[in-house]
PDB file of N, CA and C in Angstrom:
ATOM      1  N   MET A   1      -9.195  17.340 -22.338  1.00  0.00           N
ATOM      2  CA  MET A   1      -9.954  16.245 -21.778  1.00  0.00           C
ATOM      3  C   MET A   1      -9.159  15.618 -20.625  1.00  0.00           C
ATOM      4  N   PRO A   2      -9.770  15.484 -19.427  1.00  0.00           N
ATOM      5  CA  PRO A   2      -9.057  14.919 -18.276  1.00  0.00           C
ATOM      6  C   PRO A   2      -8.673  13.458 -18.519  1.00  0.00           C
ATOM      7  N   ARG A   3      -7.505  13.110 -18.008  1.00  0.00           N
ATOM      8  CA  ARG A   3      -7.021  11.726 -18.131  1.00  0.00           C
ATOM      9  C   ARG A   3      -7.743  10.839 -17.117  1.00  0.00           C
ATOM     10  N   TYR A   4      -8.166   9.657 -17.551  1.00  0.00           N
ATOM     11  CA  TYR A   4      -8.839   8.696 -16.676  1.00  0.00           C
ATOM     12  C   TYR A   4      -7.844   8.111 -15.674  1.00  0.00           C
ATOM     13  N   ARG A   5      -8.246   8.033 -14.424  1.00  0.00           N
ATOM     14  CA  ARG A   5      -7.441   7.387 -13.382  1.00  0.00           C
ATOM     15  C   ARG A   5      -8.277   6.305 -12.728  1.00  0.00           C
ATOM     16  N   SER A   6      -7.758   5.082 -12.730  1.00  0.00           N
ATOM     17  CA  SER A   6      -8.479   3.964 -12.114  1.00  0.00           C
ATOM     18  C   SER A   6      -8.563   4.159 -10.598  1.00  0.00           C
ATOM     19  N   ALA A   7      -9.387   3.342  -9.966  1.00  0.00           N
ATOM     20  CA  ALA A   7      -9.532   3.414  -8.507  1.00  0.00           C
ATOM     21  C   ALA A   7      -8.197   3.188  -7.808  1.00  0.00           C
ATOM     22  N   THR A   8      -7.386   2.262  -8.323  1.00  0.00           N
ATOM     23  CA  THR A   8      -6.094   2.012  -7.682  1.00  0.00           C
ATOM     24  C   THR A   8      -5.118   3.154  -7.945  1.00  0.00           C
ATOM     25  N   ASP A   9      -5.158   3.757  -9.128  1.00  0.00           N
ATOM     26  CA  ASP A   9      -4.299   4.912  -9.407  1.00  0.00           C
ATOM     27  C   ASP A   9      -4.602   6.054  -8.451  1.00  0.00           C
ATOM     28  N   GLN A  10      -5.863   6.225  -8.096  1.00  0.00           N
ATOM     29  CA  GLN A  10      -6.258   7.321  -7.214  1.00  0.00           C
ATOM     30  C   GLN A  10      -5.768   7.142  -5.784  1.00  0.00           C
ATOM     31  N   LEU A  11      -5.318   5.938  -5.444  1.00  0.00           N
ATOM     32  CA  LEU A  11      -4.808   5.683  -4.092  1.00  0.00           C
ATOM     33  C   LEU A  11      -3.338   6.051  -3.943  1.00  0.00           C
ATOM     34  N   ILE A  12      -2.628   6.190  -5.047  1.00  0.00           N
ATOM     35  CA  ILE A  12      -1.204   6.513  -4.995  1.00  0.00           C
ATOM     36  C   ILE A  12      -1.017   7.889  -4.352  1.00  0.00           C
ATOM     37  N   GLY A  13      -0.146   7.932  -3.346  1.00  0.00           N
ATOM     38  CA  GLY A  13       0.102   9.168  -2.612  1.00  0.00           C
ATOM     39  C   GLY A  13      -0.724   9.289  -1.345  1.00  0.00           C
ATOM     40  N   ARG A  14      -1.670   8.390  -1.146  1.00  0.00           N
ATOM     41  CA  ARG A  14      -2.501   8.439   0.057  1.00  0.00           C
ATOM     42  C   ARG A  14      -1.844   7.659   1.188  1.00  0.00           C
ATOM     43  N   VAL A  15      -2.389   7.836   2.369  1.00  0.00           N
ATOM     44  CA  VAL A  15      -1.897   7.158   3.572  1.00  0.00           C
ATOM     45  C   VAL A  15      -2.884   6.060   3.945  1.00  0.00           C
ATOM     46  N   GLY A  16      -2.345   4.933   4.386  1.00  0.00           N
ATOM     47  CA  GLY A  16      -3.174   3.825   4.834  1.00  0.00           C
ATOM     48  C   GLY A  16      -2.602   3.214   6.098  1.00  0.00           C
ATOM     49  N   ILE A  17      -3.214   2.126   6.529  1.00  0.00           N
ATOM     50  CA  ILE A  17      -2.760   1.430   7.730  1.00  0.00           C
ATOM     51  C   ILE A  17      -2.700  -0.068   7.433  1.00  0.00           C
ATOM     52  N   VAL A  18      -1.656  -0.711   7.941  1.00  0.00           N
ATOM     53  CA  VAL A  18      -1.488  -2.143   7.734  1.00  0.00           C
ATOM     54  C   VAL A  18      -2.486  -2.902   8.615  1.00  0.00           C
ATOM     55  N   VAL A  19      -3.206  -3.824   7.991  1.00  0.00           N
ATOM     56  CA  VAL A  19      -4.160  -4.675   8.704  1.00  0.00           C
ATOM     57  C   VAL A  19      -3.556  -6.062   8.916  1.00  0.00           C
ATOM     58  N   GLU A  20      -2.867  -6.573   7.905  1.00  0.00           N
ATOM     59  CA  GLU A  20      -2.211  -7.877   7.970  1.00  0.00           C
ATOM     60  C   GLU A  20      -0.764  -7.693   7.512  1.00  0.00           C
ATOM     61  N   ARG A  21       0.179  -8.245   8.245  1.00  0.00           N
ATOM     62  CA  ARG A  21       1.615  -8.066   7.983  1.00  0.00           C
ATOM     63  C   ARG A  21       1.939  -8.118   6.493  1.00  0.00           C
ATOM     64  N   VAL A  22       2.773  -7.161   6.057  1.00  0.00           N
ATOM     65  CA  VAL A  22       3.241  -7.111   4.670  1.00  0.00           C
ATOM     66  C   VAL A  22       4.723  -7.495   4.690  1.00  0.00           C
ATOM     67  N   PRO A  23       5.095  -8.660   4.127  1.00  0.00           N
ATOM     68  CA  PRO A  23       6.486  -9.120   4.161  1.00  0.00           C
ATOM     69  C   PRO A  23       7.437  -8.173   3.418  1.00  0.00           C
ATOM     70  N   ALA A  24       8.650  -8.050   3.942  1.00  0.00           N
ATOM     71  CA  ALA A  24       9.673  -7.158   3.386  1.00  0.00           C
ATOM     72  C   ALA A  24      10.095  -7.573   1.980  1.00  0.00           C
ATOM     73  N   GLU A  25      10.639  -6.604   1.250  1.00  0.00           N
ATOM     74  CA  GLU A  25      11.293  -6.794  -0.040  1.00  0.00           C
ATOM     75  C   GLU A  25      10.453  -7.576  -1.047  1.00  0.00           C
ATOM     76  N   ARG A  26       9.170  -7.284  -1.066  1.00  0.00           N
ATOM     77  CA  ARG A  26       8.229  -7.899  -2.020  1.00  0.00           C
ATOM     78  C   ARG A  26       8.282  -9.421  -2.000  1.00  0.00           C
ATOM     79  N   SER A  27       8.461  -9.992  -0.795  1.00  0.00           N
ATOM     80  CA  SER A  27       8.544 -11.446  -0.664  1.00  0.00           C
ATOM     81  C   SER A  27       7.180 -12.078  -0.382  1.00  0.00           C
ATOM     82  N   GLY A  28       6.130 -11.296  -0.386  1.00  0.00           N
ATOM     83  CA  GLY A  28       4.776 -11.785  -0.139  1.00  0.00           C
ATOM     84  C   GLY A  28       3.819 -10.619  -0.075  1.00  0.00           C
ATOM     85  N   ARG A  29       2.565 -10.929   0.186  1.00  0.00           N
ATOM     86  CA  ARG A  29       1.533  -9.893   0.235  1.00  0.00           C
ATOM     87  C   ARG A  29       0.871  -9.842   1.594  1.00  0.00           C
ATOM     88  N   GLY A  30       0.460  -8.636   1.942  1.00  0.00           N
ATOM     89  CA  GLY A  30      -0.325  -8.419   3.144  1.00  0.00           C
ATOM     90  C   GLY A  30      -1.543  -7.607   2.772  1.00  0.00           C
ATOM     91  N   ILE A  31      -2.192  -7.053   3.779  1.00  0.00           N
ATOM     92  CA  ILE A  31      -3.417  -6.274   3.569  1.00  0.00           C
ATOM     93  C   ILE A  31      -3.259  -4.901   4.212  1.00  0.00           C
ATOM     94  N   VAL A  32      -3.639  -3.862   3.472  1.00  0.00           N
ATOM     95  CA  VAL A  32      -3.682  -2.512   4.015  1.00  0.00           C
ATOM     96  C   VAL A  32      -5.097  -1.954   3.835  1.00  0.00           C
ATOM     97  N   LYS A  33      -5.427  -0.987   4.680  1.00  0.00           N
ATOM     98  CA  LYS A  33      -6.715  -0.306   4.573  1.00  0.00           C
ATOM     99  C   LYS A  33      -6.439   1.130   4.148  1.00  0.00           C
ATOM    100  N   VAL A  34      -7.028   1.501   3.025  1.00  0.00           N
ATOM    101  CA  VAL A  34      -6.859   2.852   2.489  1.00  0.00           C
ATOM    102  C   VAL A  34      -8.241   3.362   2.097  1.00  0.00           C
ATOM    103  N   GLY A  35      -8.598   4.534   2.582  1.00  0.00           N
ATOM    104  CA  GLY A  35      -9.894   5.109   2.227  1.00  0.00           C
ATOM    105  C   GLY A  35     -11.062   4.224   2.601  1.00  0.00           C
ATOM    106  N   GLY A  36     -10.941   3.486   3.704  1.00  0.00           N
ATOM    107  CA  GLY A  36     -12.040   2.647   4.171  1.00  0.00           C
ATOM    108  C   GLY A  36     -12.156   1.312   3.463  1.00  0.00           C
ATOM    109  N   GLU A  37     -11.244   1.011   2.526  1.00  0.00           N
ATOM    110  CA  GLU A  37     -11.288  -0.257   1.796  1.00  0.00           C
ATOM    111  C   GLU A  37     -10.015  -1.060   2.038  1.00  0.00           C
ATOM    112  N   LEU A  38     -10.128  -2.386   1.971  1.00  0.00           N
ATOM    113  CA  LEU A  38      -8.984  -3.278   2.138  1.00  0.00           C
ATOM    114  C   LEU A  38      -8.379  -3.601   0.781  1.00  0.00           C
ATOM    115  N   TRP A  39      -7.029  -3.580   0.723  1.00  0.00           N
ATOM    116  CA  TRP A  39      -6.307  -3.832  -0.520  1.00  0.00           C
ATOM    117  C   TRP A  39      -5.144  -4.777  -0.265  1.00  0.00           C
ATOM    118  N   SER A  40      -4.835  -5.636  -1.245  1.00  0.00           N
ATOM    119  CA  SER A  40      -3.609  -6.433  -1.199  1.00  0.00           C
ATOM    120  C   SER A  40      -2.433  -5.493  -1.394  1.00  0.00           C
ATOM    121  N   CYS A  41      -1.334  -5.807  -0.736  1.00  0.00           N
ATOM    122  CA  CYS A  41      -0.210  -4.872  -0.734  1.00  0.00           C
ATOM    123  C   CYS A  41       1.116  -5.607  -0.657  1.00  0.00           C
ATOM    124  N   GLU A  42       2.125  -5.027  -1.289  1.00  0.00           N
ATOM    125  CA  GLU A  42       3.517  -5.468  -1.176  1.00  0.00           C
ATOM    126  C   GLU A  42       4.349  -4.255  -0.778  1.00  0.00           C
ATOM    127  N   THR A  43       5.568  -4.514  -0.294  1.00  0.00           N
ATOM    128  CA  THR A  43       6.465  -3.422   0.055  1.00  0.00           C
ATOM    129  C   THR A  43       7.882  -3.722  -0.417  1.00  0.00           C
ATOM    130  N   GLU A  44       8.610  -2.673  -0.750  1.00  0.00           N
ATOM    131  CA  GLU A  44      10.028  -2.803  -1.073  1.00  0.00           C
ATOM    132  C   GLU A  44      10.886  -2.439   0.129  1.00  0.00           C
ATOM    133  N   ALA A  45      10.248  -2.166   1.259  1.00  0.00           N
ATOM    134  CA  ALA A  45      10.977  -1.846   2.492  1.00  0.00           C
ATOM    135  C   ALA A  45      11.829  -3.043   2.905  1.00  0.00           C
ATOM    136  N   PHE A  46      12.889  -2.794   3.663  1.00  0.00           N
ATOM    137  CA  PHE A  46      13.797  -3.846   4.099  1.00  0.00           C
ATOM    138  C   PHE A  46      13.294  -4.612   5.316  1.00  0.00           C
ATOM    139  N   GLU A  47      12.240  -4.109   5.949  1.00  0.00           N
ATOM    140  CA  GLU A  47      11.647  -4.781   7.106  1.00  0.00           C
ATOM    141  C   GLU A  47      10.163  -4.969   6.857  1.00  0.00           C
ATOM    142  N   ASP A  48       9.585  -6.013   7.477  1.00  0.00           N
ATOM    143  CA  ASP A  48       8.148  -6.241   7.356  1.00  0.00           C
ATOM    144  C   ASP A  48       7.373  -5.019   7.852  1.00  0.00           C
ATOM    145  N   LEU A  49       6.221  -4.781   7.248  1.00  0.00           N
ATOM    146  CA  LEU A  49       5.304  -3.757   7.739  1.00  0.00           C
ATOM    147  C   LEU A  49       4.304  -4.473   8.640  1.00  0.00           C
ATOM    148  N   LEU A  50       4.301  -4.127   9.904  1.00  0.00           N
ATOM    149  CA  LEU A  50       3.478  -4.812  10.896  1.00  0.00           C
ATOM    150  C   LEU A  50       2.117  -4.164  11.039  1.00  0.00           C
ATOM    151  N   PRO A  51       1.114  -4.921  11.529  1.00  0.00           N
ATOM    152  CA  PRO A  51      -0.220  -4.349  11.728  1.00  0.00           C
ATOM    153  C   PRO A  51      -0.172  -3.046  12.530  1.00  0.00           C
ATOM    154  N   ASP A  52      -1.041  -2.123  12.164  1.00  0.00           N
ATOM    155  CA  ASP A  52      -1.186  -0.789  12.764  1.00  0.00           C
ATOM    156  C   ASP A  52      -0.100   0.186  12.334  1.00  0.00           C
ATOM    157  N   THR A  53       0.803  -0.215  11.426  1.00  0.00           N
ATOM    158  CA  THR A  53       1.805   0.699  10.888  1.00  0.00           C
ATOM    159  C   THR A  53       1.158   1.602   9.845  1.00  0.00           C
ATOM    160  N   MET A  54       1.399   2.902   9.945  1.00  0.00           N
ATOM    161  CA  MET A  54       0.918   3.840   8.933  1.00  0.00           C
ATOM    162  C   MET A  54       1.839   3.747   7.722  1.00  0.00           C
ATOM    163  N   VAL A  55       1.244   3.685   6.532  1.00  0.00           N
ATOM    164  CA  VAL A  55       2.026   3.540   5.303  1.00  0.00           C
ATOM    165  C   VAL A  55       1.605   4.577   4.275  1.00  0.00           C
ATOM    166  N   TRP A  56       2.513   4.831   3.349  1.00  0.00           N
ATOM    167  CA  TRP A  56       2.289   5.725   2.218  1.00  0.00           C
ATOM    168  C   TRP A  56       2.213   4.844   0.976  1.00  0.00           C
ATOM    169  N   ILE A  57       1.175   5.013   0.179  1.00  0.00           N
ATOM    170  CA  ILE A  57       1.007   4.210  -1.035  1.00  0.00           C
ATOM    171  C   ILE A  57       1.859   4.843  -2.133  1.00  0.00           C
ATOM    172  N   SER A  58       2.892   4.101  -2.548  1.00  0.00           N
ATOM    173  CA  SER A  58       3.889   4.645  -3.478  1.00  0.00           C
ATOM    174  C   SER A  58       3.649   4.246  -4.931  1.00  0.00           C
ATOM    175  N   GLY A  59       2.814   3.260  -5.157  1.00  0.00           N
ATOM    176  CA  GLY A  59       2.557   2.824  -6.526  1.00  0.00           C
ATOM    177  C   GLY A  59       1.664   1.608  -6.533  1.00  0.00           C
ATOM    178  N   ARG A  60       1.610   0.963  -7.697  1.00  0.00           N
ATOM    179  CA  ARG A  60       0.810  -0.250  -7.814  1.00  0.00           C
ATOM    180  C   ARG A  60       1.364  -1.104  -8.943  1.00  0.00           C
ATOM    181  N   ILE A  61       1.069  -2.380  -8.867  1.00  0.00           N
ATOM    182  CA  ILE A  61       1.341  -3.316  -9.955  1.00  0.00           C
ATOM    183  C   ILE A  61       0.026  -4.052 -10.160  1.00  0.00           C
ATOM    184  N   GLY A  62      -0.688  -3.693 -11.222  1.00  0.00           N
ATOM    185  CA  GLY A  62      -2.038  -4.218 -11.413  1.00  0.00           C
ATOM    186  C   GLY A  62      -2.894  -3.779 -10.238  1.00  0.00           C
ATOM    187  N   PRO A  63      -3.632  -4.712  -9.621  1.00  0.00           N
ATOM    188  CA  PRO A  63      -4.480  -4.340  -8.490  1.00  0.00           C
ATOM    189  C   PRO A  63      -3.753  -4.379  -7.139  1.00  0.00           C
ATOM    190  N   ILE A  64      -2.449  -4.668  -7.141  1.00  0.00           N
ATOM    191  CA  ILE A  64      -1.675  -4.770  -5.912  1.00  0.00           C
ATOM    192  C   ILE A  64      -1.006  -3.442  -5.606  1.00  0.00           C
ATOM    193  N   LEU A  65      -1.265  -2.898  -4.415  1.00  0.00           N
ATOM    194  CA  LEU A  65      -0.642  -1.636  -4.017  1.00  0.00           C
ATOM    195  C   LEU A  65       0.784  -1.873  -3.526  1.00  0.00           C
ATOM    196  N   LEU A  66       1.628  -0.864  -3.711  1.00  0.00           N
ATOM    197  CA  LEU A  66       2.984  -0.848  -3.155  1.00  0.00           C
ATOM    198  C   LEU A  66       3.012   0.196  -2.061  1.00  0.00           C
ATOM    199  N   ALA A  67       3.557  -0.141  -0.902  1.00  0.00           N
ATOM    200  CA  ALA A  67       3.542   0.783   0.235  1.00  0.00           C
ATOM    201  C   ALA A  67       4.914   0.860   0.890  1.00  0.00           C
ATOM    202  N   LEU A  68       5.159   2.007   1.481  1.00  0.00           N
ATOM    203  CA  LEU A  68       6.357   2.238   2.286  1.00  0.00           C
ATOM    204  C   LEU A  68       5.917   2.785   3.638  1.00  0.00           C
ATOM    205  N   PRO A  69       6.717   2.531   4.680  1.00  0.00           N
ATOM    206  CA  PRO A  69       6.330   3.089   5.986  1.00  0.00           C
ATOM    207  C   PRO A  69       6.285   4.612   5.889  1.00  0.00           C
ATOM    208  N   GLN A  70       5.269   5.199   6.514  1.00  0.00           N
ATOM    209  CA  GLN A  70       5.136   6.655   6.488  1.00  0.00           C
ATOM    210  C   GLN A  70       6.186   7.265   7.395  1.00  0.00           C
ATOM    211  N   LEU A  71       6.880   8.266   6.888  1.00  0.00           N
ATOM    212  CA  LEU A  71       7.871   8.973   7.706  1.00  0.00           C
ATOM    213  C   LEU A  71       7.165   9.959   8.615  1.00  0.00           C
ATOM    214  N   GLU A  72       7.675  10.091   9.820  1.00  0.00           N
ATOM    215  CA  GLU A  72       7.034  10.999  10.789  1.00  0.00           C
ATOM    216  C   GLU A  72       7.531  12.400  10.610  1.00  0.00           C
TER     217      GLU A  72
END
């Protein structure tokens, strides 16, 4: 029987784009767009994620996504 994955679980590993600045080191929340939808987001990166930055969704805490800058 396949394991159930929530909508937020299905976003892990996908690429998104920052819409509203995401403060560094989980010091606040910003907004990212993934799969055409807007999500609250935090980052463990050492620098803020600025608008138009491509990000990789690395995990989640409840409905809040965790993102890191996408490596080129």
